[in-house]
N, C-alpha and C. Protein backbone atom coordinates (compact mmCIF):
# COMPACT_ATOMS: atom_id res chain seq x y z
N UNK A 1 236.68 65.38 130.92
CA UNK A 1 235.73 66.15 130.13
C UNK A 1 234.85 66.95 131.08
N UNK A 2 234.60 68.15 130.68
CA UNK A 2 233.79 69.05 131.49
C UNK A 2 232.63 69.55 130.63
N UNK A 3 231.43 69.46 131.17
CA UNK A 3 230.24 69.92 130.46
C UNK A 3 229.78 71.24 131.07
N UNK A 4 229.70 72.25 130.25
CA UNK A 4 229.33 73.58 130.74
C UNK A 4 227.97 73.57 131.44
N UNK A 5 227.01 72.81 130.90
CA UNK A 5 225.69 72.76 131.53
C UNK A 5 225.76 72.19 132.94
N UNK A 6 226.61 71.18 133.15
CA UNK A 6 226.74 70.60 134.49
C UNK A 6 227.43 71.56 135.45
N UNK A 7 228.45 72.25 134.96
CA UNK A 7 229.13 73.25 135.79
C UNK A 7 228.14 74.34 136.17
N UNK A 8 227.37 74.81 135.19
CA UNK A 8 226.38 75.86 135.45
C UNK A 8 225.34 75.39 136.47
N UNK A 9 224.90 74.15 136.34
CA UNK A 9 223.91 73.60 137.29
C UNK A 9 224.47 73.60 138.70
N UNK A 10 225.73 73.19 138.84
CA UNK A 10 226.37 73.19 140.17
C UNK A 10 226.49 74.60 140.73
N UNK A 11 226.82 75.54 139.86
CA UNK A 11 227.01 76.92 140.30
C UNK A 11 225.70 77.63 140.63
N UNK A 12 224.58 77.02 140.22
CA UNK A 12 223.27 77.63 140.48
C UNK A 12 222.49 76.88 141.54
N UNK A 13 223.17 76.08 142.34
CA UNK A 13 222.50 75.39 143.43
C UNK A 13 222.18 76.39 144.55
N UNK A 14 221.15 76.06 145.30
CA UNK A 14 220.74 76.93 146.41
C UNK A 14 221.92 77.24 147.31
N UNK A 15 222.03 78.50 147.73
CA UNK A 15 223.09 78.92 148.62
C UNK A 15 224.31 79.48 147.92
N UNK A 16 224.32 79.42 146.59
CA UNK A 16 225.46 79.97 145.84
C UNK A 16 225.14 81.39 145.38
N UNK A 17 226.18 82.19 145.12
CA UNK A 17 225.93 83.56 144.63
C UNK A 17 225.15 83.58 143.32
N UNK A 18 225.45 82.63 142.41
CA UNK A 18 224.73 82.61 141.12
C UNK A 18 223.26 82.30 141.33
N UNK A 19 222.94 81.40 142.26
CA UNK A 19 221.55 81.08 142.56
C UNK A 19 220.81 82.34 142.97
N UNK A 20 221.37 83.05 143.93
CA UNK A 20 220.71 84.25 144.44
C UNK A 20 220.48 85.28 143.34
N UNK A 21 221.48 85.47 142.48
CA UNK A 21 221.35 86.46 141.41
C UNK A 21 220.31 86.02 140.38
N UNK A 22 220.34 84.73 140.01
CA UNK A 22 219.42 84.24 138.99
C UNK A 22 217.98 84.27 139.47
N UNK A 23 217.71 83.80 140.68
CA UNK A 23 216.31 83.76 141.14
C UNK A 23 215.75 85.17 141.39
N UNK A 24 216.61 86.16 141.55
CA UNK A 24 216.13 87.52 141.79
C UNK A 24 215.76 88.25 140.50
N UNK A 25 216.01 87.64 139.35
CA UNK A 25 215.63 88.26 138.08
C UNK A 25 214.10 88.29 137.95
N UNK A 26 213.58 89.13 137.07
CA UNK A 26 212.12 89.25 136.93
C UNK A 26 211.49 88.11 136.12
N UNK A 27 211.34 86.96 136.75
CA UNK A 27 210.75 85.80 136.09
C UNK A 27 209.24 85.96 135.97
N UNK A 28 208.68 85.38 134.93
CA UNK A 28 207.23 85.40 134.73
C UNK A 28 206.53 84.67 135.88
N UNK A 29 207.13 83.58 136.31
CA UNK A 29 206.66 82.85 137.49
C UNK A 29 207.89 82.36 138.23
N UNK A 30 207.81 82.17 139.53
CA UNK A 30 208.99 81.75 140.30
C UNK A 30 209.59 80.46 139.76
N UNK A 31 210.92 80.41 139.74
CA UNK A 31 211.61 79.24 139.18
C UNK A 31 212.16 78.31 140.24
N UNK A 32 211.95 78.62 141.52
CA UNK A 32 212.44 77.75 142.59
C UNK A 32 211.34 76.73 142.91
N UNK A 33 211.73 75.46 142.85
CA UNK A 33 210.78 74.38 143.10
C UNK A 33 210.59 74.13 144.59
N UNK A 34 209.75 73.15 144.89
CA UNK A 34 209.46 72.79 146.28
C UNK A 34 210.69 72.31 147.03
N UNK A 35 211.67 71.80 146.28
CA UNK A 35 212.90 71.30 146.90
C UNK A 35 213.89 72.42 147.22
N UNK A 36 213.52 73.67 146.88
CA UNK A 36 214.39 74.80 147.16
C UNK A 36 215.44 75.05 146.09
N UNK A 37 215.44 74.24 145.05
CA UNK A 37 216.41 74.39 143.95
C UNK A 37 215.70 74.98 142.73
N UNK A 38 216.49 75.46 141.78
CA UNK A 38 215.93 76.00 140.55
C UNK A 38 215.33 74.86 139.74
N UNK A 39 214.11 75.07 139.28
CA UNK A 39 213.44 74.13 138.38
C UNK A 39 213.99 74.44 136.98
N UNK A 40 215.00 73.69 136.57
CA UNK A 40 215.72 74.01 135.33
C UNK A 40 214.84 73.96 134.08
N UNK A 41 213.95 72.98 133.93
CA UNK A 41 213.08 73.02 132.74
C UNK A 41 212.18 74.26 132.71
N UNK A 42 211.67 74.66 133.86
CA UNK A 42 210.84 75.87 133.93
C UNK A 42 211.67 77.11 133.62
N UNK A 43 212.88 77.16 134.15
CA UNK A 43 213.77 78.28 133.88
C UNK A 43 214.07 78.36 132.38
N UNK A 44 214.40 77.21 131.77
CA UNK A 44 214.73 77.18 130.34
C UNK A 44 213.54 77.63 129.49
N UNK A 45 212.36 77.17 129.85
CA UNK A 45 211.16 77.54 129.11
C UNK A 45 210.96 79.06 129.12
N UNK A 46 211.12 79.66 130.28
CA UNK A 46 210.95 81.11 130.38
C UNK A 46 212.08 81.87 129.69
N UNK A 47 213.30 81.36 129.80
CA UNK A 47 214.44 82.02 129.17
C UNK A 47 214.31 82.05 127.65
N UNK A 48 213.88 80.93 127.06
CA UNK A 48 213.79 80.87 125.61
C UNK A 48 212.59 81.65 125.08
N UNK A 49 211.70 82.06 125.95
CA UNK A 49 210.57 82.89 125.54
C UNK A 49 210.86 84.38 125.74
N UNK A 50 212.00 84.71 126.37
CA UNK A 50 212.29 86.10 126.72
C UNK A 50 213.78 86.36 126.53
N UNK A 51 214.13 87.00 125.42
CA UNK A 51 215.55 87.22 125.10
C UNK A 51 216.29 88.02 126.16
N UNK A 52 215.67 89.05 126.72
CA UNK A 52 216.38 89.87 127.71
C UNK A 52 216.63 89.07 128.99
N UNK A 53 215.71 88.21 129.35
CA UNK A 53 215.90 87.35 130.52
C UNK A 53 217.02 86.35 130.26
N UNK A 54 217.03 85.76 129.07
CA UNK A 54 218.08 84.81 128.70
C UNK A 54 219.45 85.49 128.76
N UNK A 55 219.53 86.72 128.24
CA UNK A 55 220.79 87.44 128.26
C UNK A 55 221.21 87.77 129.69
N UNK A 56 220.26 88.12 130.53
CA UNK A 56 220.59 88.43 131.93
C UNK A 56 221.13 87.20 132.65
N UNK A 57 220.51 86.04 132.42
CA UNK A 57 221.01 84.80 133.04
C UNK A 57 222.41 84.50 132.53
N UNK A 58 222.62 84.63 131.22
CA UNK A 58 223.94 84.36 130.65
C UNK A 58 225.02 85.27 131.24
N UNK A 59 224.69 86.53 131.51
CA UNK A 59 225.67 87.47 132.09
C UNK A 59 226.04 87.09 133.52
N UNK A 60 225.16 86.38 134.18
CA UNK A 60 225.45 85.91 135.55
C UNK A 60 226.22 84.60 135.51
N UNK A 61 225.73 83.67 134.74
CA UNK A 61 226.22 82.30 134.80
C UNK A 61 227.54 82.09 134.05
N UNK A 62 227.66 82.66 132.86
CA UNK A 62 228.84 82.34 132.05
C UNK A 62 230.16 82.82 132.62
N UNK A 63 230.25 83.99 133.22
CA UNK A 63 231.52 84.35 133.87
C UNK A 63 231.87 83.38 135.01
N UNK A 64 230.87 82.93 135.75
CA UNK A 64 231.12 81.98 136.84
C UNK A 64 231.57 80.64 136.28
N UNK A 65 230.98 80.20 135.17
CA UNK A 65 231.38 78.94 134.54
C UNK A 65 232.82 79.04 134.05
N UNK A 66 233.14 80.15 133.39
CA UNK A 66 234.51 80.34 132.89
C UNK A 66 235.53 80.26 134.02
N UNK A 67 235.25 80.92 135.12
CA UNK A 67 236.17 80.88 136.27
C UNK A 67 236.32 79.46 136.80
N UNK A 68 235.23 78.72 136.88
CA UNK A 68 235.29 77.35 137.39
C UNK A 68 236.05 76.44 136.43
N UNK A 69 235.86 76.61 135.14
CA UNK A 69 236.59 75.81 134.15
C UNK A 69 238.08 76.07 134.28
N UNK A 70 238.47 77.33 134.36
CA UNK A 70 239.88 77.67 134.52
C UNK A 70 240.46 77.05 135.79
N UNK A 71 239.69 77.07 136.88
CA UNK A 71 240.13 76.46 138.13
C UNK A 71 240.35 74.96 137.97
N UNK A 72 239.42 74.28 137.30
CA UNK A 72 239.53 72.84 137.13
C UNK A 72 240.69 72.45 136.22
N UNK A 73 240.89 73.21 135.15
CA UNK A 73 242.02 72.95 134.26
C UNK A 73 243.33 73.13 135.02
N UNK A 74 243.42 74.18 135.80
CA UNK A 74 244.64 74.44 136.58
C UNK A 74 244.90 73.32 137.58
N UNK A 75 243.86 72.83 138.23
CA UNK A 75 244.01 71.71 139.17
C UNK A 75 244.55 70.47 138.47
N UNK A 76 244.04 70.18 137.29
CA UNK A 76 244.52 69.00 136.53
C UNK A 76 245.96 69.19 136.09
N UNK A 77 246.31 70.42 135.70
CA UNK A 77 247.71 70.69 135.31
C UNK A 77 248.66 70.49 136.49
N UNK A 78 248.25 70.95 137.67
CA UNK A 78 249.09 70.80 138.87
C UNK A 78 249.34 69.33 139.18
N UNK A 79 248.37 68.48 138.89
CA UNK A 79 248.51 67.04 139.15
C UNK A 79 249.26 66.35 138.02
N UNK A 80 249.60 67.10 136.98
CA UNK A 80 250.23 66.53 135.77
C UNK A 80 249.36 65.41 135.23
N UNK A 81 248.08 65.66 135.25
CA UNK A 81 247.09 64.64 134.94
C UNK A 81 246.29 65.03 133.70
N UNK A 82 246.91 65.81 132.81
CA UNK A 82 246.12 66.34 131.71
C UNK A 82 246.85 66.16 130.39
N UNK A 83 246.30 65.29 129.55
CA UNK A 83 246.78 65.19 128.18
C UNK A 83 245.79 65.91 127.27
N UNK A 84 244.53 65.59 127.49
CA UNK A 84 243.45 66.27 126.79
C UNK A 84 242.44 66.72 127.82
N UNK A 85 241.91 67.89 127.61
CA UNK A 85 240.84 68.39 128.48
C UNK A 85 239.74 68.85 127.55
N UNK A 86 238.62 68.15 127.56
CA UNK A 86 237.50 68.48 126.69
C UNK A 86 236.49 69.30 127.46
N UNK A 87 236.05 70.37 126.82
CA UNK A 87 235.06 71.26 127.42
C UNK A 87 233.93 71.43 126.42
N UNK A 88 232.74 70.98 126.80
CA UNK A 88 231.57 71.05 125.92
C UNK A 88 230.70 72.21 126.38
N UNK A 89 230.37 73.08 125.43
CA UNK A 89 229.50 74.22 125.75
C UNK A 89 228.72 74.62 124.51
N UNK A 90 227.42 74.77 124.67
CA UNK A 90 226.58 75.19 123.54
C UNK A 90 226.93 76.61 123.12
N UNK A 91 227.33 77.44 124.05
CA UNK A 91 227.61 78.85 123.77
C UNK A 91 229.11 79.15 123.83
N UNK A 92 229.90 78.22 123.36
CA UNK A 92 231.36 78.35 123.41
C UNK A 92 231.83 79.63 122.75
N UNK A 93 231.30 79.95 121.60
CA UNK A 93 231.72 81.13 120.84
C UNK A 93 231.15 82.40 121.46
N UNK A 94 229.84 82.40 121.70
CA UNK A 94 229.16 83.59 122.20
C UNK A 94 229.74 84.07 123.53
N UNK A 95 230.13 83.14 124.37
CA UNK A 95 230.59 83.50 125.71
C UNK A 95 232.11 83.67 125.79
N UNK A 96 232.77 83.57 124.66
CA UNK A 96 234.22 83.77 124.65
C UNK A 96 235.01 82.64 125.26
N UNK A 97 234.39 81.46 125.39
CA UNK A 97 235.11 80.32 125.96
C UNK A 97 236.24 79.85 125.04
N UNK A 98 236.23 80.30 123.80
CA UNK A 98 237.27 79.91 122.87
C UNK A 98 238.67 80.24 123.37
N UNK A 99 238.77 81.27 124.20
CA UNK A 99 240.08 81.64 124.74
C UNK A 99 240.58 80.61 125.76
N UNK A 100 239.71 79.69 126.18
CA UNK A 100 240.10 78.68 127.16
C UNK A 100 240.64 77.41 126.51
N UNK A 101 240.51 77.31 125.19
CA UNK A 101 240.84 76.05 124.52
C UNK A 101 241.92 76.25 123.46
N UNK A 102 242.62 75.16 123.17
CA UNK A 102 243.62 75.18 122.11
C UNK A 102 242.98 75.02 120.73
N UNK A 103 241.91 74.23 120.69
CA UNK A 103 241.18 74.01 119.44
C UNK A 103 239.69 74.03 119.72
N UNK A 104 238.95 74.53 118.73
CA UNK A 104 237.49 74.50 118.82
C UNK A 104 237.01 73.42 117.86
N UNK A 105 236.21 72.53 118.38
CA UNK A 105 235.63 71.46 117.56
C UNK A 105 234.13 71.68 117.50
N UNK A 106 233.59 71.59 116.32
CA UNK A 106 232.14 71.71 116.12
C UNK A 106 231.60 70.31 115.86
N UNK A 107 230.84 69.82 116.79
CA UNK A 107 230.20 68.52 116.62
C UNK A 107 228.74 68.80 116.30
N UNK A 108 228.37 68.50 115.07
CA UNK A 108 227.04 68.87 114.60
C UNK A 108 226.23 67.64 114.23
N UNK A 109 224.94 67.85 114.12
CA UNK A 109 224.02 66.85 113.60
C UNK A 109 223.01 67.59 112.74
N UNK A 110 222.53 66.92 111.71
CA UNK A 110 221.50 67.51 110.88
C UNK A 110 220.33 67.94 111.75
N UNK A 111 219.64 69.00 111.32
CA UNK A 111 218.54 69.54 112.11
C UNK A 111 217.47 68.49 112.40
N UNK A 112 217.15 67.65 111.44
CA UNK A 112 216.13 66.62 111.66
C UNK A 112 216.58 65.61 112.72
N UNK A 113 217.86 65.30 112.75
CA UNK A 113 218.41 64.39 113.75
C UNK A 113 218.37 65.06 115.12
N UNK A 114 218.75 66.33 115.18
CA UNK A 114 218.70 67.06 116.45
C UNK A 114 217.29 67.11 117.00
N UNK A 115 216.33 67.38 116.12
CA UNK A 115 214.93 67.46 116.55
C UNK A 115 214.47 66.11 117.11
N UNK A 116 214.79 65.04 116.41
CA UNK A 116 214.38 63.70 116.87
C UNK A 116 215.01 63.38 118.22
N UNK A 117 216.27 63.75 118.39
CA UNK A 117 216.97 63.48 119.66
C UNK A 117 216.38 64.30 120.80
N UNK A 118 216.03 65.56 120.54
CA UNK A 118 215.43 66.39 121.58
C UNK A 118 214.05 65.86 121.99
N UNK A 119 213.29 65.36 121.03
CA UNK A 119 211.99 64.76 121.35
C UNK A 119 212.17 63.52 122.21
N UNK A 120 213.11 62.68 121.81
CA UNK A 120 213.32 61.41 122.52
C UNK A 120 213.93 61.60 123.90
N UNK A 121 214.94 62.46 124.01
CA UNK A 121 215.66 62.59 125.28
C UNK A 121 215.03 63.56 126.26
N UNK A 122 214.39 64.61 125.74
CA UNK A 122 213.86 65.65 126.63
C UNK A 122 212.36 65.85 126.52
N UNK A 123 211.75 65.17 125.57
CA UNK A 123 210.30 65.29 125.41
C UNK A 123 209.86 66.64 124.87
N UNK A 124 210.74 67.33 124.15
CA UNK A 124 210.40 68.65 123.62
C UNK A 124 209.31 68.54 122.54
N UNK A 125 208.48 69.57 122.48
CA UNK A 125 207.49 69.67 121.42
C UNK A 125 208.16 70.23 120.17
N UNK A 126 207.48 70.10 119.02
CA UNK A 126 208.02 70.66 117.77
C UNK A 126 208.23 72.17 117.91
N UNK A 127 207.28 72.83 118.56
CA UNK A 127 207.39 74.29 118.75
C UNK A 127 208.62 74.65 119.59
N UNK A 128 208.83 73.93 120.66
CA UNK A 128 209.99 74.21 121.52
C UNK A 128 211.29 73.93 120.78
N UNK A 129 211.30 72.87 120.01
CA UNK A 129 212.51 72.53 119.23
C UNK A 129 212.82 73.64 118.25
N UNK A 130 211.82 74.09 117.51
CA UNK A 130 212.04 75.16 116.53
C UNK A 130 212.48 76.45 117.21
N UNK A 131 211.89 76.77 118.35
CA UNK A 131 212.26 77.97 119.10
C UNK A 131 213.71 77.87 119.57
N UNK A 132 214.09 76.72 120.08
CA UNK A 132 215.47 76.51 120.55
C UNK A 132 216.47 76.62 119.41
N UNK A 133 216.20 75.92 118.32
CA UNK A 133 217.13 75.92 117.18
C UNK A 133 217.23 77.31 116.56
N UNK A 134 216.11 78.04 116.51
CA UNK A 134 216.13 79.37 115.90
C UNK A 134 217.00 80.35 116.68
N UNK A 135 217.25 80.08 117.96
CA UNK A 135 218.06 80.98 118.80
C UNK A 135 219.56 80.64 118.72
N UNK A 136 219.88 79.56 118.01
CA UNK A 136 221.28 79.13 117.95
C UNK A 136 221.99 79.72 116.74
N UNK A 137 223.30 79.73 116.82
CA UNK A 137 224.12 80.18 115.69
C UNK A 137 223.85 79.28 114.48
N UNK A 138 224.15 79.81 113.32
CA UNK A 138 224.00 79.02 112.10
C UNK A 138 225.13 78.00 111.99
N UNK A 139 224.88 76.97 111.22
CA UNK A 139 225.90 75.97 110.96
C UNK A 139 227.15 76.62 110.35
N UNK A 140 226.94 77.54 109.42
CA UNK A 140 228.07 78.21 108.77
C UNK A 140 228.91 78.99 109.77
N UNK A 141 228.28 79.64 110.73
CA UNK A 141 229.01 80.39 111.75
C UNK A 141 229.84 79.47 112.62
N UNK A 142 229.26 78.34 113.04
CA UNK A 142 230.03 77.39 113.83
C UNK A 142 231.24 76.88 113.05
N UNK A 143 231.03 76.56 111.80
CA UNK A 143 232.13 76.05 110.98
C UNK A 143 233.23 77.09 110.82
N UNK A 144 232.82 78.34 110.66
CA UNK A 144 233.78 79.44 110.49
C UNK A 144 234.69 79.58 111.71
N UNK A 145 234.16 79.34 112.91
CA UNK A 145 234.92 79.53 114.15
C UNK A 145 235.60 78.26 114.65
N UNK A 146 235.48 77.17 113.91
CA UNK A 146 235.98 75.88 114.42
C UNK A 146 237.23 75.41 113.69
N UNK A 147 238.08 74.73 114.45
CA UNK A 147 239.28 74.13 113.89
C UNK A 147 238.99 72.77 113.27
N UNK A 148 238.00 72.09 113.83
CA UNK A 148 237.62 70.76 113.35
C UNK A 148 236.10 70.63 113.35
N UNK A 149 235.60 69.81 112.42
CA UNK A 149 234.16 69.57 112.32
C UNK A 149 233.92 68.06 112.36
N UNK A 150 233.04 67.65 113.25
CA UNK A 150 232.72 66.23 113.42
C UNK A 150 231.23 66.06 113.18
N UNK A 151 230.89 65.11 112.30
CA UNK A 151 229.48 64.84 111.96
C UNK A 151 228.91 63.83 112.95
N UNK A 152 227.92 64.27 113.72
CA UNK A 152 227.28 63.43 114.72
C UNK A 152 225.85 63.07 114.29
N UNK A 153 225.60 63.08 112.97
CA UNK A 153 224.26 62.79 112.47
C UNK A 153 223.96 61.30 112.44
N UNK A 154 225.01 60.49 112.40
CA UNK A 154 224.82 59.04 112.33
C UNK A 154 224.83 58.41 113.71
N UNK A 155 225.28 57.19 113.75
CA UNK A 155 225.32 56.46 115.01
C UNK A 155 226.54 56.81 115.84
N UNK A 156 226.52 56.32 117.07
CA UNK A 156 227.59 56.59 118.02
C UNK A 156 228.95 56.13 117.49
N UNK A 157 229.00 54.96 116.87
CA UNK A 157 230.28 54.43 116.37
C UNK A 157 230.87 55.30 115.29
N UNK A 158 230.01 55.87 114.42
CA UNK A 158 230.51 56.76 113.36
C UNK A 158 231.17 58.00 113.96
N UNK A 159 230.55 58.55 114.98
CA UNK A 159 231.11 59.74 115.64
C UNK A 159 232.40 59.38 116.36
N UNK A 160 232.39 58.28 117.10
CA UNK A 160 233.60 57.85 117.82
C UNK A 160 234.75 57.56 116.86
N UNK A 161 234.46 57.03 115.71
CA UNK A 161 235.50 56.76 114.72
C UNK A 161 236.19 58.05 114.28
N UNK A 162 235.40 59.10 114.06
CA UNK A 162 235.98 60.39 113.69
C UNK A 162 236.85 60.95 114.81
N UNK A 163 236.38 60.82 116.05
CA UNK A 163 237.14 61.33 117.19
C UNK A 163 238.44 60.54 117.37
N UNK A 164 238.36 59.22 117.25
CA UNK A 164 239.58 58.40 117.38
C UNK A 164 240.62 58.79 116.34
N UNK A 165 240.18 59.03 115.11
CA UNK A 165 241.10 59.41 114.04
C UNK A 165 241.81 60.72 114.38
N UNK A 166 241.06 61.70 114.87
CA UNK A 166 241.66 62.99 115.24
C UNK A 166 242.67 62.80 116.38
N UNK A 167 242.27 62.07 117.41
CA UNK A 167 243.15 61.86 118.57
C UNK A 167 244.38 61.05 118.20
N UNK A 168 244.22 60.05 117.35
CA UNK A 168 245.37 59.26 116.90
C UNK A 168 246.34 60.13 116.11
N UNK A 169 245.81 60.98 115.22
CA UNK A 169 246.68 61.88 114.46
C UNK A 169 247.39 62.88 115.35
N UNK A 170 246.69 63.38 116.37
CA UNK A 170 247.31 64.33 117.31
C UNK A 170 248.43 63.66 118.10
N UNK A 171 248.22 62.42 118.50
CA UNK A 171 249.26 61.74 119.29
C UNK A 171 250.50 61.44 118.46
N UNK A 172 250.35 61.36 117.12
CA UNK A 172 251.49 61.17 116.22
C UNK A 172 252.07 62.48 115.75
N UNK A 173 251.47 63.60 116.20
CA UNK A 173 251.98 64.91 115.82
C UNK A 173 251.58 65.36 114.43
N UNK A 174 250.54 64.77 113.87
CA UNK A 174 250.10 65.13 112.51
C UNK A 174 249.18 66.33 112.53
């Protein structure tokens, strides 16, 4: 499994071409921390407050992520080590990552569940949560572009049960 956010974080480490391009954008305040790396929470805060800045970052990072994903998939294919390759990306549709996958799965949670999880895991304020959610595609749009829909509003076992059923059916050719 490959997470787009983790790939992007690796590609934006100090000394990389993406790092240099991203930090040179017109930030409200510098985004490089004392450790010489990008302060990701500060970067995210500024990006979600400025649409043109967010779009500029996406134009730098997403092509690099796509190239890295393709490289990793090819490496796994060469090793004959690939039955399933899962790629998680919040902007799968917007960035055209759909061309990299055989199926698009939409794993969703009710907005109230998402808000509670963002508060608990990231300490987001209600304002930040609303701002973040308002910038995302609608549920209907995700469903329209997806081959499968998985409800992640409940507990972990409920979600895993849905995934197991899909994978079991795929392995039987259904």
